[in-house]
């Protein structure tokens, strides 16, 4: 497997929606409340590379195998997670296993999502 990309952010910031877009899935467990994702979700996705087809024109091969990336939907972090707040250090282990972090910041307001939308503050917390 290639690189692992962990999707991080506060609860209800849109991490699962981004995960669905990257993996081509529509997670049925999306909920407009914190901690609807309890366990990290993982999916391997092909990394598009138009150079592979061009190389195959010069070097015949039976199969073209693209690089893959593991995409991980990491449950929402809260302020103080490293001190045990929220789900605590449980989620931090998933972050350590990722070579790439994709930080999702909520820039929208929604009556079903608790809390205010302050992207700068959310970024600071993470």
Protein backbone atom coordinates (compact mmCIF):
# COMPACT_ATOMS: atom_id res chain seq x y z
CA UNK A 1 0.00 0.00 0.00
CA UNK A 2 1.16 3.51 -0.73
CA UNK A 3 0.77 6.52 1.48
CA UNK A 4 -1.87 6.77 4.18
CA UNK A 5 -3.90 10.00 4.19
CA UNK A 6 -5.68 10.74 7.47
CA UNK A 7 -8.62 13.14 7.31
CA UNK A 8 -8.67 15.22 10.50
CA UNK A 9 -10.88 17.98 11.87
CA UNK A 10 -13.35 18.84 14.57
CA UNK A 11 -16.61 16.87 14.89
CA UNK A 12 -19.16 17.73 12.18
CA UNK A 13 -16.65 19.62 10.03
CA UNK A 14 -17.35 17.49 6.94
CA UNK A 15 -14.62 14.84 7.22
CA UNK A 16 -16.92 11.95 6.30
CA UNK A 17 -18.26 13.89 3.31
CA UNK A 18 -14.69 14.45 2.07
CA UNK A 19 -13.93 10.76 2.71
CA UNK A 20 -16.95 9.81 0.60
CA UNK A 21 -15.85 12.10 -2.23
CA UNK A 22 -12.31 10.69 -2.26
CA UNK A 23 -13.36 7.04 -2.02
CA UNK A 24 -16.45 7.19 -4.22
CA UNK A 25 -18.70 6.06 -1.38
CA UNK A 26 -21.71 7.61 0.27
CA UNK A 27 -21.29 6.78 3.95
CA UNK A 28 -24.75 6.01 5.30
CA UNK A 29 -23.67 6.77 8.86
CA UNK A 30 -23.26 10.54 8.39
CA UNK A 31 -25.08 12.22 11.24
CA UNK A 32 -25.41 15.90 12.15
CA UNK A 33 -24.12 15.36 15.68
CA UNK A 34 -20.65 14.95 17.20
CA UNK A 35 -18.95 11.55 17.27
CA UNK A 36 -21.14 9.84 14.68
CA UNK A 37 -17.84 8.35 13.44
CA UNK A 38 -16.46 6.28 16.33
CA UNK A 39 -14.04 3.95 14.53
CA UNK A 40 -11.76 5.13 11.72
CA UNK A 41 -13.03 4.15 8.26
CA UNK A 42 -10.39 3.08 5.75
CA UNK A 43 -10.43 2.62 1.99
CA UNK A 44 -7.74 2.13 -0.64
CA UNK A 45 -8.09 4.39 -3.67
CA UNK A 46 -6.20 4.41 -6.95
CA UNK A 47 -4.08 7.48 -7.61
CA UNK A 48 -4.74 8.60 -11.20
CA UNK A 49 -1.55 8.98 -13.23
CA UNK A 50 -1.84 9.58 -16.99
CA UNK A 51 1.87 8.75 -17.38
CA UNK A 52 1.15 5.06 -16.80
CA UNK A 53 -0.73 4.71 -20.09
CA UNK A 54 2.06 6.52 -21.93
CA UNK A 55 4.69 4.21 -20.41
CA UNK A 56 2.60 1.17 -21.38
CA UNK A 57 2.77 2.32 -25.01
CA UNK A 58 6.56 1.89 -24.91
CA UNK A 59 6.78 -1.06 -22.54
CA UNK A 60 4.05 -3.61 -23.24
CA UNK A 61 2.49 -5.06 -20.12
CA UNK A 62 -0.49 -7.30 -19.38
CA UNK A 63 -1.80 -5.06 -16.64
CA UNK A 64 -1.40 -1.43 -15.61
CA UNK A 65 -1.40 -1.10 -11.83
CA UNK A 66 -1.77 2.45 -10.49
CA UNK A 67 -0.35 3.58 -7.19
CA UNK A 68 -2.77 3.41 -4.29
CA UNK A 69 -3.36 5.58 -1.27
CA UNK A 70 -5.10 4.57 1.94
CA UNK A 71 -7.71 7.17 2.94
CA UNK A 72 -8.66 7.17 6.63
CA UNK A 73 -11.71 8.99 8.03
CA UNK A 74 -10.44 9.76 11.54
CA UNK A 75 -13.16 10.53 14.12
CA UNK A 76 -13.44 14.18 15.18
CA UNK A 77 -10.89 15.63 17.54
CA UNK A 78 -11.75 18.05 20.31
CA UNK A 79 -9.69 20.57 22.23
CA UNK A 80 -7.64 18.73 24.84
CA UNK A 81 -7.69 15.34 23.08
CA UNK A 82 -4.04 14.77 23.98
CA UNK A 83 -5.01 15.15 27.66
CA UNK A 84 -7.86 12.65 27.31
CA UNK A 85 -10.72 15.01 26.40
CA UNK A 86 -13.45 13.67 24.11
CA UNK A 87 -12.36 10.28 22.80
CA UNK A 88 -8.84 11.17 23.94
CA UNK A 89 -5.73 9.41 22.77
CA UNK A 90 -7.74 6.71 20.98
CA UNK A 91 -7.94 8.88 17.86
CA UNK A 92 -4.40 10.17 18.07
CA UNK A 93 -3.09 6.68 17.21
CA UNK A 94 -4.79 6.88 13.81
CA UNK A 95 -3.08 10.18 13.14
CA UNK A 96 0.33 8.69 13.92
CA UNK A 97 -0.23 6.03 11.24
CA UNK A 98 -0.82 8.66 8.52
CA UNK A 99 1.92 10.10 6.32
CA UNK A 100 -0.42 12.81 5.00
CA UNK A 101 -2.99 14.79 6.99
CA UNK A 102 -5.92 16.41 5.23
CA UNK A 103 -7.36 19.01 7.62
CA UNK A 104 -11.07 19.71 7.06
CA UNK A 105 -12.27 23.01 8.54
CA UNK A 106 -15.95 23.84 8.86
CA UNK A 107 -16.75 27.06 7.03
CA UNK A 108 -20.52 26.77 7.13
CA UNK A 109 -23.34 27.25 9.59
CA UNK A 110 -26.04 24.65 10.06
CA UNK A 111 -28.82 24.56 12.64
CA UNK A 112 -28.27 20.79 13.04
CA UNK A 113 -24.58 21.20 13.88
CA UNK A 114 -23.83 22.46 17.39
CA UNK A 115 -21.36 25.27 17.99
CA UNK A 116 -20.31 28.29 16.01
CA UNK A 117 -18.42 28.26 12.74
CA UNK A 118 -15.03 29.89 13.36
CA UNK A 119 -12.47 28.42 10.94
CA UNK A 120 -9.50 30.18 12.58
CA UNK A 121 -10.40 28.85 16.03
CA UNK A 122 -11.09 25.36 14.67
CA UNK A 123 -7.67 25.33 12.97
CA UNK A 124 -5.98 26.38 16.21
CA UNK A 125 -7.66 23.57 18.16
CA UNK A 126 -6.40 20.92 15.77
